[in-house]
C-alpha atoms as a PDB file:
ATOM      1  CA  MET A   1     -73.655 139.709  62.073  1.00  0.00           C
ATOM      2  CA  LYS A   2     -75.262 142.259  64.397  1.00  0.00           C
ATOM      3  CA  CYS A   3     -73.749 142.652  67.859  1.00  0.00           C
ATOM      4  CA  ILE A   4     -73.799 144.943  70.886  1.00  0.00           C
ATOM      5  CA  ARG A   5     -70.865 147.327  71.217  1.00  0.00           C
ATOM      6  CA  THR A   6     -69.800 149.463  74.187  1.00  0.00           C
ATOM      7  CA  GLU A   7     -69.588 153.033  72.911  1.00  0.00           C
ATOM      8  CA  ILE A   8     -67.760 155.802  74.782  1.00  0.00           C
ATOM      9  CA  ILE A   9     -70.193 158.731  74.723  1.00  0.00           C
ATOM     10  CA  GLY A  10     -68.454 161.127  77.140  1.00  0.00           C
ATOM     11  CA  CYS A  11     -65.048 161.701  78.742  1.00  0.00           C
ATOM     12  CA  GLY A  12     -63.960 163.716  81.774  1.00  0.00           C
ATOM     13  CA  HIS A  13     -60.849 164.376  83.811  1.00  0.00           C
ATOM     14  CA  TYR A  14     -59.596 166.202  86.869  1.00  0.00           C
ATOM     15  CA  LEU A  15     -56.189 167.243  88.167  1.00  0.00           C
ATOM     16  CA  PRO A  16     -55.566 168.759  91.614  1.00  0.00           C
ATOM     17  CA  ALA A  17     -54.548 172.418  91.682  1.00  0.00           C
ATOM     18  CA  LYS A  18     -51.123 171.864  93.243  1.00  0.00           C
ATOM     19  CA  VAL A  19     -48.338 171.263  90.725  1.00  0.00           C
ATOM     20  CA  LEU A  20     -45.058 169.716  91.868  1.00  0.00           C
ATOM     21  CA  THR A  21     -42.264 170.350  89.369  1.00  0.00           C
ATOM     22  CA  ASN A  22     -38.932 168.576  89.056  1.00  0.00           C
ATOM     23  CA  ASP A  23     -37.258 171.692  90.427  1.00  0.00           C
ATOM     24  CA  ASP A  24     -39.519 171.473  93.485  1.00  0.00           C
ATOM     25  CA  LEU A  25     -38.454 167.844  93.954  1.00  0.00           C
ATOM     26  CA  SER A  26     -34.801 168.812  93.755  1.00  0.00           C
ATOM     27  CA  LYS A  27     -35.327 170.708  97.020  1.00  0.00           C
ATOM     28  CA  MET A  28     -36.732 167.562  98.665  1.00  0.00           C
ATOM     29  CA  VAL A  29     -34.367 164.800  97.494  1.00  0.00           C
ATOM     30  CA  GLU A  30     -31.046 164.582  95.682  1.00  0.00           C
ATOM     31  CA  THR A  31     -32.202 164.935  92.083  1.00  0.00           C
ATOM     32  CA  ASN A  32     -32.645 167.513  89.341  1.00  0.00           C
ATOM     33  CA  ASP A  33     -34.850 168.276  86.358  1.00  0.00           C
ATOM     34  CA  GLU A  34     -32.411 166.867  83.791  1.00  0.00           C
ATOM     35  CA  TRP A  35     -31.993 163.563  85.657  1.00  0.00           C
ATOM     36  CA  ILE A  36     -35.755 163.062  85.962  1.00  0.00           C
ATOM     37  CA  SER A  37     -36.844 164.260  82.531  1.00  0.00           C
ATOM     38  CA  THR A  38     -34.215 162.349  80.539  1.00  0.00           C
ATOM     39  CA  ARG A  39     -35.003 159.073  82.323  1.00  0.00           C
ATOM     40  CA  THR A  40     -38.789 159.357  82.628  1.00  0.00           C
ATOM     41  CA  GLY A  41     -40.053 162.173  80.418  1.00  0.00           C
ATOM     42  CA  ILE A  42     -41.770 163.671  83.487  1.00  0.00           C
ATOM     43  CA  ARG A  43     -41.446 167.408  84.207  1.00  0.00           C
ATOM     44  CA  SER A  44     -44.315 167.932  86.643  1.00  0.00           C
ATOM     45  CA  ARG A  45     -47.154 166.149  88.418  1.00  0.00           C
ATOM     46  CA  HIS A  46     -50.262 167.173  90.396  1.00  0.00           C
ATOM     47  CA  ILE A  47     -50.716 166.537  94.121  1.00  0.00           C
ATOM     48  CA  VAL A  48     -53.989 166.409  96.059  1.00  0.00           C
ATOM     49  CA  ALA A  49     -54.701 169.194  98.539  1.00  0.00           C
ATOM     50  CA  GLU A  50     -54.955 168.576 102.259  1.00  0.00           C
ATOM     51  CA  GLY A  51     -58.319 166.926 102.863  1.00  0.00           C
ATOM     52  CA  GLU A  52     -58.963 166.258  99.161  1.00  0.00           C
ATOM     53  CA  LEU A  53     -60.075 162.652  98.793  1.00  0.00           C
ATOM     54  CA  THR A  54     -59.817 160.131  95.987  1.00  0.00           C
ATOM     55  CA  SER A  55     -63.626 160.197  95.752  1.00  0.00           C
ATOM     56  CA  ASP A  56     -63.573 163.988  95.373  1.00  0.00           C
ATOM     57  CA  MET A  57     -61.350 163.709  92.298  1.00  0.00           C
ATOM     58  CA  ALA A  58     -63.499 160.891  90.933  1.00  0.00           C
ATOM     59  CA  MET A  59     -66.595 163.077  91.277  1.00  0.00           C
ATOM     60  CA  HIS A  60     -65.053 165.946  89.319  1.00  0.00           C
ATOM     61  CA  ALA A  61     -64.034 163.621  86.486  1.00  0.00           C
ATOM     62  CA  VAL A  62     -67.295 161.678  86.248  1.00  0.00           C
ATOM     63  CA  GLU A  63     -69.441 164.816  86.396  1.00  0.00           C
ATOM     64  CA  MET A  64     -67.495 166.213  83.440  1.00  0.00           C
ATOM     65  CA  ALA A  65     -67.918 162.933  81.554  1.00  0.00           C
ATOM     66  CA  MET A  66     -71.648 162.857  82.289  1.00  0.00           C
ATOM     67  CA  LYS A  67     -72.062 166.446  81.126  1.00  0.00           C
ATOM     68  CA  ASN A  68     -70.200 165.671  77.901  1.00  0.00           C
ATOM     69  CA  ALA A  69     -72.333 162.555  77.408  1.00  0.00           C
ATOM     70  CA  SER A  70     -75.585 164.449  78.162  1.00  0.00           C
ATOM     71  CA  VAL A  71     -76.640 161.878  80.764  1.00  0.00           C
ATOM     72  CA  THR A  72     -77.887 162.214  84.327  1.00  0.00           C
ATOM     73  CA  ALA A  73     -77.415 160.014  87.375  1.00  0.00           C
ATOM     74  CA  GLU A  74     -80.819 158.473  86.633  1.00  0.00           C
ATOM     75  CA  ASP A  75     -79.425 157.123  83.345  1.00  0.00           C
ATOM     76  CA  LEU A  76     -76.582 155.164  84.986  1.00  0.00           C
ATOM     77  CA  ASP A  77     -77.005 151.414  85.484  1.00  0.00           C
ATOM     78  CA  LEU A  78     -73.500 150.834  86.879  1.00  0.00           C
ATOM     79  CA  VAL A  79     -70.563 152.708  88.468  1.00  0.00           C
ATOM     80  CA  VAL A  80     -67.090 151.148  88.414  1.00  0.00           C
ATOM     81  CA  VAL A  81     -63.934 152.708  89.861  1.00  0.00           C
ATOM     82  CA  ALA A  82     -60.386 151.516  89.276  1.00  0.00           C
ATOM     83  CA  THR A  83     -58.060 152.588  92.096  1.00  0.00           C
ATOM     84  CA  LEU A  84     -55.411 151.371  94.509  1.00  0.00           C
ATOM     85  CA  THR A  85     -55.830 154.407  96.801  1.00  0.00           C
ATOM     86  CA  PRO A  86     -59.437 154.370  98.111  1.00  0.00           C
ATOM     87  CA  ASP A  87     -60.760 156.775 100.729  1.00  0.00           C
ATOM     88  CA  ASN A  88     -61.436 153.850 103.074  1.00  0.00           C
ATOM     89  CA  THR A  89     -60.653 150.154 103.079  1.00  0.00           C
ATOM     90  CA  THR A  90     -64.414 149.724 102.748  1.00  0.00           C
ATOM     91  CA  PRO A  91     -66.900 150.744 101.395  1.00  0.00           C
ATOM     92  CA  SER A  92     -65.723 151.226  97.833  1.00  0.00           C
ATOM     93  CA  VAL A  93     -64.993 154.562  96.180  1.00  0.00           C
ATOM     94  CA  ALA A  94     -67.601 153.568  93.581  1.00  0.00           C
ATOM     95  CA  ALA A  95     -70.280 153.288  96.276  1.00  0.00           C
ATOM     96  CA  ARG A  96     -69.405 156.726  97.612  1.00  0.00           C
ATOM     97  CA  VAL A  97     -69.443 158.239  94.125  1.00  0.00           C
ATOM     98  CA  ALA A  98     -72.754 156.549  93.285  1.00  0.00           C
ATOM     99  CA  GLY A  99     -74.256 157.883  96.493  1.00  0.00           C
ATOM    100  CA  ARG A 100     -73.045 161.410  95.857  1.00  0.00           C
ATOM    101  CA  LEU A 101     -74.302 161.314  92.284  1.00  0.00           C
ATOM    102  CA  GLY A 102     -77.728 160.127  93.419  1.00  0.00           C
ATOM    103  CA  VAL A 103     -78.018 157.104  91.122  1.00  0.00           C
ATOM    104  CA  LYS A 104     -81.141 154.942  91.125  1.00  0.00           C
ATOM    105  CA  LEU A 105     -81.631 152.793  94.231  1.00  0.00           C
ATOM    106  CA  GLY A 106     -80.007 149.390  93.695  1.00  0.00           C
ATOM    107  CA  THR A 107     -77.569 150.498  90.974  1.00  0.00           C
ATOM    108  CA  PRO A 108     -74.458 148.289  91.334  1.00  0.00           C
ATOM    109  CA  ALA A 109     -71.165 149.994  92.191  1.00  0.00           C
ATOM    110  CA  PHE A 110     -67.785 148.421  92.816  1.00  0.00           C
ATOM    111  CA  ASP A 111     -64.023 149.049  92.745  1.00  0.00           C
ATOM    112  CA  ILE A 112     -61.423 147.143  90.729  1.00  0.00           C
ATOM    113  CA  GLY A 113     -57.864 146.764  92.023  1.00  0.00           C
ATOM    114  CA  ALA A 114     -55.448 146.058  89.186  1.00  0.00           C
ATOM    115  CA  ALA A 115     -53.026 148.956  89.766  1.00  0.00           C
ATOM    116  CA  CYS A 116     -51.973 150.717  86.546  1.00  0.00           C
ATOM    117  CA  SER A 117     -54.002 148.258  84.461  1.00  0.00           C
ATOM    118  CA  GLY A 118     -57.124 149.060  86.457  1.00  0.00           C
ATOM    119  CA  PHE A 119     -58.959 151.136  83.873  1.00  0.00           C
ATOM    120  CA  VAL A 120     -58.364 148.587  81.105  1.00  0.00           C
ATOM    121  CA  TYR A 121     -59.557 145.824  83.457  1.00  0.00           C
ATOM    122  CA  ALA A 122     -62.627 147.888  84.354  1.00  0.00           C
ATOM    123  CA  MET A 123     -63.488 148.578  80.722  1.00  0.00           C
ATOM    124  CA  ALA A 124     -63.212 144.874  79.896  1.00  0.00           C
ATOM    125  CA  MET A 125     -65.571 143.980  82.762  1.00  0.00           C
ATOM    126  CA  VAL A 126     -68.083 146.670  81.812  1.00  0.00           C
ATOM    127  CA  ASP A 127     -67.901 145.733  78.120  1.00  0.00           C
ATOM    128  CA  ASN A 128     -68.761 142.142  79.030  1.00  0.00           C
ATOM    129  CA  MET A 129     -71.730 143.256  81.149  1.00  0.00           C
ATOM    130  CA  ILE A 130     -73.036 145.507  78.384  1.00  0.00           C
ATOM    131  CA  ARG A 131     -72.694 142.822  75.719  1.00  0.00           C
ATOM    132  CA  LEU A 132     -74.575 140.390  77.988  1.00  0.00           C
ATOM    133  CA  GLY A 133     -77.399 142.909  78.296  1.00  0.00           C
ATOM    134  CA  GLN A 134     -76.968 143.327  82.058  1.00  0.00           C
ATOM    135  CA  VAL A 135     -76.498 147.107  81.856  1.00  0.00           C
ATOM    136  CA  LYS A 136     -77.029 149.763  79.201  1.00  0.00           C
ATOM    137  CA  THR A 137     -75.214 152.861  80.487  1.00  0.00           C
ATOM    138  CA  ALA A 138     -72.234 152.919  82.865  1.00  0.00           C
ATOM    139  CA  ALA A 139     -69.665 155.259  84.375  1.00  0.00           C
ATOM    140  CA  VAL A 140     -66.088 153.955  84.447  1.00  0.00           C
ATOM    141  CA  ILE A 141     -63.562 155.926  86.483  1.00  0.00           C
ATOM    142  CA  GLY A 142     -59.810 155.648  87.064  1.00  0.00           C
ATOM    143  CA  VAL A 143     -58.565 157.691  90.008  1.00  0.00           C
ATOM    144  CA  GLU A 144     -55.513 157.773  92.269  1.00  0.00           C
ATOM    145  CA  SER A 145     -54.040 159.667  95.222  1.00  0.00           C
ATOM    146  CA  LEU A 146     -50.595 158.127  94.736  1.00  0.00           C
ATOM    147  CA  SER A 147     -48.943 160.915  96.728  1.00  0.00           C
ATOM    148  CA  LYS A 148     -50.426 159.203  99.796  1.00  0.00           C
ATOM    149  CA  VAL A 149     -48.365 156.034  99.170  1.00  0.00           C
ATOM    150  CA  THR A 150     -45.226 157.754  97.865  1.00  0.00           C
ATOM    151  CA  ASP A 151     -42.056 157.832  99.961  1.00  0.00           C
ATOM    152  CA  TRP A 152     -40.871 161.382  99.374  1.00  0.00           C
ATOM    153  CA  THR A 153     -37.370 160.477 100.580  1.00  0.00           C
ATOM    154  CA  ASP A 154     -36.907 157.772  97.910  1.00  0.00           C
ATOM    155  CA  ARG A 155     -35.711 159.477  94.722  1.00  0.00           C
ATOM    156  CA  ASN A 156     -36.139 156.298  92.679  1.00  0.00           C
ATOM    157  CA  THR A 157     -39.917 156.371  93.115  1.00  0.00           C
ATOM    158  CA  CYS A 158     -41.004 159.819  94.316  1.00  0.00           C
ATOM    159  CA  VAL A 159     -40.149 161.416  90.966  1.00  0.00           C
ATOM    160  CA  LEU A 160     -42.592 159.154  89.134  1.00  0.00           C
ATOM    161  CA  PHE A 161     -46.031 159.481  90.653  1.00  0.00           C
ATOM    162  CA  GLY A 162     -48.890 161.969  90.623  1.00  0.00           C
ATOM    163  CA  ASP A 163     -52.572 162.304  91.483  1.00  0.00           C
ATOM    164  CA  GLY A 164     -55.602 162.699  89.244  1.00  0.00           C
ATOM    165  CA  ALA A 165     -58.765 161.197  87.801  1.00  0.00           C
ATOM    166  CA  GLY A 166     -60.261 160.313  84.440  1.00  0.00           C
ATOM    167  CA  ALA A 167     -63.687 158.968  83.567  1.00  0.00           C
ATOM    168  CA  VAL A 168     -65.820 157.800  80.683  1.00  0.00           C
ATOM    169  CA  VAL A 169     -69.536 157.208  80.260  1.00  0.00           C
ATOM    170  CA  VAL A 170     -70.293 154.235  78.032  1.00  0.00           C
ATOM    171  CA  ARG A 171     -73.516 153.030  76.480  1.00  0.00           C
ATOM    172  CA  ALA A 172     -74.721 149.966  74.591  1.00  0.00           C
ATOM    173  CA  LYS A 173     -74.992 150.444  70.833  1.00  0.00           C
ATOM    174  CA  GLU A 174     -75.826 148.010  68.062  1.00  0.00           C
ATOM    175  CA  GLY A 175     -72.966 147.299  65.670  1.00  0.00           C
ATOM    176  CA  GLU A 176     -72.348 145.286  62.542  1.00  0.00           C
ATOM    177  CA  GLY A 177     -69.713 143.090  64.162  1.00  0.00           C
ATOM    178  CA  THR A 178     -66.841 144.520  62.108  1.00  0.00           C
ATOM    179  CA  ALA A 179     -63.834 146.728  62.831  1.00  0.00           C
ATOM    180  CA  ALA A 180     -65.785 149.610  61.277  1.00  0.00           C
ATOM    181  CA  ASP A 181     -68.098 149.673  64.314  1.00  0.00           C
ATOM    182  CA  THR A 182     -67.968 152.466  66.857  1.00  0.00           C
ATOM    183  CA  GLY A 183     -67.143 151.336  70.407  1.00  0.00           C
ATOM    184  CA  VAL A 184     -65.003 148.701  72.087  1.00  0.00           C
ATOM    185  CA  LEU A 185     -63.775 146.269  69.432  1.00  0.00           C
ATOM    186  CA  ALA A 186     -61.599 143.982  71.578  1.00  0.00           C
ATOM    187  CA  THR A 187     -60.169 143.523  75.067  1.00  0.00           C
ATOM    188  CA  LYS A 188     -57.607 141.181  76.593  1.00  0.00           C
ATOM    189  CA  LEU A 189     -56.474 140.853  80.218  1.00  0.00           C
ATOM    190  CA  TYR A 190     -53.444 139.131  81.735  1.00  0.00           C
ATOM    191  CA  ALA A 191     -51.692 138.658  85.093  1.00  0.00           C
ATOM    192  CA  ASP A 192     -48.543 137.030  86.462  1.00  0.00           C
ATOM    193  CA  GLY A 193     -48.484 136.819  90.244  1.00  0.00           C
ATOM    194  CA  SER A 194     -44.948 135.407  90.286  1.00  0.00           C
ATOM    195  CA  GLU A 195     -43.757 138.993  89.690  1.00  0.00           C
ATOM    196  CA  TYR A 196     -45.596 140.254  92.788  1.00  0.00           C
ATOM    197  CA  GLU A 197     -42.519 141.645  94.543  1.00  0.00           C
ATOM    198  CA  GLN A 198     -41.204 143.656  91.589  1.00  0.00           C
ATOM    199  CA  LEU A 199     -43.751 146.430  92.214  1.00  0.00           C
ATOM    200  CA  TYR A 200     -45.733 146.659  95.449  1.00  0.00           C
ATOM    201  CA  THR A 201     -46.518 148.725  98.528  1.00  0.00           C
ATOM    202  CA  THR A 202     -44.874 147.957 101.847  1.00  0.00           C
ATOM    203  CA  GLY A 203     -48.172 148.002 103.764  1.00  0.00           C
ATOM    204  CA  GLY A 204     -51.670 146.590 103.870  1.00  0.00           C
ATOM    205  CA  VAL A 205     -54.585 145.782 106.142  1.00  0.00           C
ATOM    206  CA  SER A 206     -53.559 142.238 107.054  1.00  0.00           C
ATOM    207  CA  SER A 207     -49.801 142.851 107.057  1.00  0.00           C
ATOM    208  CA  THR A 208     -48.922 146.206 108.650  1.00  0.00           C
ATOM    209  CA  GLN A 209     -52.285 147.926 109.138  1.00  0.00           C
ATOM    210  CA  THR A 210     -50.818 150.914 107.253  1.00  0.00           C
ATOM    211  CA  PRO A 211     -50.969 151.783 103.540  1.00  0.00           C
ATOM    212  CA  GLY A 212     -47.183 151.612 103.198  1.00  0.00           C
ATOM    213  CA  TYR A 213     -45.095 153.054 100.377  1.00  0.00           C
ATOM    214  CA  ILE A 214     -44.545 152.086  96.759  1.00  0.00           C
ATOM    215  CA  ARG A 215     -41.410 150.051  96.076  1.00  0.00           C
ATOM    216  CA  MET A 216     -40.267 149.103  92.591  1.00  0.00           C
ATOM    217  CA  ASN A 217     -37.531 147.199  90.785  1.00  0.00           C
ATOM    218  CA  GLY A 218     -37.353 149.694  87.949  1.00  0.00           C
ATOM    219  CA  LYS A 219     -35.218 147.683  85.525  1.00  0.00           C
ATOM    220  CA  GLU A 220     -37.379 144.573  85.764  1.00  0.00           C
ATOM    221  CA  VAL A 221     -40.610 146.548  85.472  1.00  0.00           C
ATOM    222  CA  PHE A 222     -39.302 148.359  82.389  1.00  0.00           C
ATOM    223  CA  LYS A 223     -38.287 145.145  80.641  1.00  0.00           C
ATOM    224  CA  PHE A 224     -41.577 143.445  81.417  1.00  0.00           C
ATOM    225  CA  ALA A 225     -43.770 146.435  80.569  1.00  0.00           C
ATOM    226  CA  VAL A 226     -42.586 146.922  77.000  1.00  0.00           C
ATOM    227  CA  GLY A 227     -43.042 143.266  76.064  1.00  0.00           C
ATOM    228  CA  ALA A 228     -46.309 142.833  77.947  1.00  0.00           C
ATOM    229  CA  MET A 229     -48.021 145.882  76.517  1.00  0.00           C
ATOM    230  CA  THR A 230     -46.844 145.019  73.005  1.00  0.00           C
ATOM    231  CA  GLU A 231     -48.259 141.497  73.428  1.00  0.00           C
ATOM    232  CA  ALA A 232     -51.610 142.900  74.554  1.00  0.00           C
ATOM    233  CA  CYS A 233     -51.735 145.222  71.543  1.00  0.00           C
ATOM    234  CA  HIS A 234     -51.055 142.398  69.095  1.00  0.00           C
ATOM    235  CA  ASN A 235     -53.789 140.301  70.729  1.00  0.00           C
ATOM    236  CA  VAL A 236     -56.567 142.895  70.520  1.00  0.00           C
ATOM    237  CA  MET A 237     -55.615 143.882  66.971  1.00  0.00           C
ATOM    238  CA  GLN A 238     -55.746 140.226  65.961  1.00  0.00           C
ATOM    239  CA  GLN A 239     -59.174 139.831  67.581  1.00  0.00           C
ATOM    240  CA  ALA A 240     -60.477 142.815  65.609  1.00  0.00           C
ATOM    241  CA  GLY A 241     -58.807 141.734  62.396  1.00  0.00           C
ATOM    242  CA  ILE A 242     -56.739 144.887  61.959  1.00  0.00           C
ATOM    243  CA  SER A 243     -53.051 145.795  61.760  1.00  0.00           C
ATOM    244  CA  ALA A 244     -51.058 148.650  63.286  1.00  0.00           C
ATOM    245  CA  GLU A 245     -51.516 150.609  60.053  1.00  0.00           C
ATOM    246  CA  ASN A 246     -55.230 150.892  60.873  1.00  0.00           C
ATOM    247  CA  VAL A 247     -54.544 152.487  64.279  1.00  0.00           C
ATOM    248  CA  ASP A 248     -54.999 156.256  64.489  1.00  0.00           C
ATOM    249  CA  TRP A 249     -53.647 156.606  68.028  1.00  0.00           C
ATOM    250  CA  LEU A 250     -51.581 154.515  70.420  1.00  0.00           C
ATOM    251  CA  LEU A 251     -52.493 155.586  73.948  1.00  0.00           C
ATOM    252  CA  PRO A 252     -50.378 153.583  76.411  1.00  0.00           C
ATOM    253  CA  HIS A 253     -50.407 153.766  80.191  1.00  0.00           C
ATOM    254  CA  GLN A 254     -48.370 156.867  80.991  1.00  0.00           C
ATOM    255  CA  ALA A 255     -45.629 155.422  83.191  1.00  0.00           C
ATOM    256  CA  ASN A 256     -42.370 156.435  81.577  1.00  0.00           C
ATOM    257  CA  ILE A 257     -41.493 157.975  78.207  1.00  0.00           C
ATOM    258  CA  ARG A 258     -39.003 155.182  77.481  1.00  0.00           C
ATOM    259  CA  ILE A 259     -41.650 152.503  78.007  1.00  0.00           C
ATOM    260  CA  ILE A 260     -44.125 154.445  75.843  1.00  0.00           C
ATOM    261  CA  ALA A 261     -41.536 154.877  73.083  1.00  0.00           C
ATOM    262  CA  GLY A 262     -40.500 151.213  73.322  1.00  0.00           C
ATOM    263  CA  VAL A 263     -44.048 149.983  72.767  1.00  0.00           C
ATOM    264  CA  GLY A 264     -44.531 152.324  69.823  1.00  0.00           C
ATOM    265  CA  GLN A 265     -41.303 151.155  68.203  1.00  0.00           C
ATOM    266  CA  LYS A 266     -42.147 147.466  68.611  1.00  0.00           C
ATOM    267  CA  LEU A 267     -45.528 148.054  66.985  1.00  0.00           C
ATOM    268  CA  ASN A 268     -44.021 150.232  64.229  1.00  0.00           C
ATOM    269  CA  ILE A 269     -46.426 153.035  65.086  1.00  0.00           C
ATOM    270  CA  PRO A 270     -44.916 156.446  64.260  1.00  0.00           C
ATOM    271  CA  THR A 271     -44.179 158.843  67.107  1.00  0.00           C
ATOM    272  CA  GLU A 272     -46.733 161.361  65.882  1.00  0.00           C
ATOM    273  CA  LYS A 273     -49.474 158.771  66.494  1.00  0.00           C
ATOM    274  CA  VAL A 274     -48.432 158.098  70.113  1.00  0.00           C
ATOM    275  CA  ILE A 275     -50.237 160.078  72.804  1.00  0.00           C
ATOM    276  CA  VAL A 276     -47.975 161.321  75.617  1.00  0.00           C
ATOM    277  CA  THR A 277     -49.167 163.130  78.740  1.00  0.00           C
ATOM    278  CA  VAL A 278     -46.671 161.706  81.236  1.00  0.00           C
ATOM    279  CA  ASP A 279     -44.663 164.939  80.982  1.00  0.00           C
ATOM    280  CA  HIS A 280     -47.265 166.899  82.983  1.00  0.00           C
ATOM    281  CA  HIS A 281     -49.159 164.094  84.789  1.00  0.00           C
ATOM    282  CA  GLY A 282     -46.434 161.728  85.913  1.00  0.00           C
ATOM    283  CA  ASN A 283     -47.610 158.157  86.497  1.00  0.00           C
ATOM    284  CA  THR A 284     -51.169 158.331  87.842  1.00  0.00           C
ATOM    285  CA  SER A 285     -51.692 154.535  87.787  1.00  0.00           C
ATOM    286  CA  ALA A 286     -55.359 153.652  87.142  1.00  0.00           C
ATOM    287  CA  ALA A 287     -56.125 157.289  86.279  1.00  0.00           C
ATOM    288  CA  SER A 288     -53.425 157.430  83.609  1.00  0.00           C
ATOM    289  CA  VAL A 289     -55.336 156.099  80.588  1.00  0.00           C
ATOM    290  CA  PRO A 290     -58.706 157.848  81.111  1.00  0.00           C
ATOM    291  CA  LEU A 291     -56.915 161.099  82.003  1.00  0.00           C
ATOM    292  CA  ALA A 292     -54.896 161.033  78.781  1.00  0.00           C
ATOM    293  CA  LEU A 293     -57.954 159.924  76.835  1.00  0.00           C
ATOM    294  CA  SER A 294     -60.139 162.755  78.112  1.00  0.00           C
ATOM    295  CA  GLU A 295     -57.458 165.394  77.565  1.00  0.00           C
ATOM    296  CA  SER A 296     -56.917 164.146  74.016  1.00  0.00           C
ATOM    297  CA  VAL A 297     -60.638 164.220  73.217  1.00  0.00           C
ATOM    298  CA  ALA A 298     -61.065 167.669  74.793  1.00  0.00           C
ATOM    299  CA  SER A 299     -58.154 169.089  72.786  1.00  0.00           C
ATOM    300  CA  GLY A 300     -59.539 167.685  69.532  1.00  0.00           C
ATOM    301  CA  LYS A 301     -56.646 165.309  69.023  1.00  0.00           C
ATOM    302  CA  ILE A 302     -58.864 162.210  69.173  1.00  0.00           C
ATOM    303  CA  LYS A 303     -61.794 162.679  66.805  1.00  0.00           C
ATOM    304  CA  LYS A 304     -64.968 160.818  65.960  1.00  0.00           C
ATOM    305  CA  GLY A 305     -64.137 157.675  64.011  1.00  0.00           C
ATOM    306  CA  ASP A 306     -60.555 157.381  65.280  1.00  0.00           C
ATOM    307  CA  MET A 307     -59.223 153.932  66.200  1.00  0.00           C
ATOM    308  CA  VAL A 308     -57.422 154.048  69.562  1.00  0.00           C
ATOM    309  CA  LEU A 309     -55.170 151.244  70.821  1.00  0.00           C
ATOM    310  CA  ILE A 310     -54.763 151.235  74.610  1.00  0.00           C
ATOM    311  CA  PRO A 311     -52.292 148.977  76.445  1.00  0.00           C
ATOM    312  CA  ALA A 312     -51.531 149.143  80.175  1.00  0.00           C
ATOM    313  CA  MET A 313     -49.361 147.290  82.661  1.00  0.00           C
ATOM    314  CA  GLY A 314     -49.084 147.508  86.434  1.00  0.00           C
ATOM    315  CA  ALA A 315     -48.306 145.856  89.742  1.00  0.00           C
ATOM    316  CA  GLY A 316     -49.323 142.256  90.090  1.00  0.00           C
ATOM    317  CA  PHE A 317     -48.062 142.025  87.419  1.00  0.00           C
ATOM    318  CA  THR A 318     -51.263 142.842  85.568  1.00  0.00           C
ATOM    319  CA  TRP A 319     -51.531 143.972  81.967  1.00  0.00           C
ATOM    320  CA  GLY A 320     -54.042 144.225  79.190  1.00  0.00           C
ATOM    321  CA  GLY A 321     -55.184 145.797  75.962  1.00  0.00           C
ATOM    322  CA  LEU A 322     -58.245 147.709  74.805  1.00  0.00           C
ATOM    323  CA  LEU A 323     -59.115 148.593  71.218  1.00  0.00           C
ATOM    324  CA  VAL A 324     -61.852 151.174  70.709  1.00  0.00           C
ATOM    325  CA  ARG A 325     -63.208 153.264  67.861  1.00  0.00           C
ATOM    326  CA  PHE A 326     -64.597 156.666  68.814  1.00  0.00           C
END
C-alpha cells in the first residue's frame, strides 16, 4: 500500500570554536579527567563565544543541511527548532532563523520545548504534517546554549553539558508502506510530568524572571532513562515490523556513556553498532541527536540504506523513539 514517507535529504551541524576539556574544568571545580570520563564518557565539550546566540548556531547547522540537500530557502515550507535555550522568551528561534534564511512569506515556524527529547518530538510532528500533505519540505533543527543555564560551581552538573546545533532537511517521498522504504518508518512520544522535579532549571519567566540553572537527580534520571529509551525503541521497531537484528545503527541521545551502553545492552545491539559522540560533545540536549547524526553521515559511518534507531529522553520527563532509513 503506497504511503508518504518523510525522507532526510540533508544533514548539518555546528560546534562553537571554544573547547572546554575535563582538565580545564578541574581548574574551576573539584574534579578531574578520570572522575568525569569514567562516570560519563565525556572528555570535552564546546562552549558558545561571548555574544554568540542560539540562533547563530542554528543558522550554521541549517545552512549546512540545506547545502547538502541542494535546497534553497524558497523550497522550505516549514522551520521547526527544538531548544530549551532560546535567544528570547519570544519570538521563537525558528522565526528568527526563518527570517534570516529568507523563507517564503507566510512559511510557518515554531519552537518545540521537550528538552533532550526535543529533536525526536520535532521529527514526529513534522512527519505527521508531511504525511497529512500539509508541507512538502521542512528544516528541523536541534540547538542549545546549555552553558547559559549551567552552574559552573556545581560539579555534579557542570561536567555534563555543552553547546551546539544539528539540523536536517526533510522532504515528502512516496513509499511502499514497508520497512524497506527510505525515510521515517515509525515514531513514538511519551511524557511523565510526575517526574518534573528530577531534572529542571531553577528559574523561569513566571517564577523567578531569570533562566536559572540546571538541577538533576542523577541516579533517578539514569534509572529512568535506560528503561524509557529501551521502551521507545521496542515500540517503534514493533510498529515497523522489524527486530534489533535489522538495525544498522543505534543512535541514542548523547547524555552519558553508561546510559548509552545500558540501552544497547538491553536491546542486544552490539557496541560496534552504537554511535557515541558524547566524548567530545557532552550532553547538548535537543542538539544531541541531530549533531551526532550529521557527524556520522559526514564521516561516512551512516550510509544510504542504513536503518537508524533513535531514542531520546529528557526533562519533563519526556522520551521518545524515531526509526528512519537513510
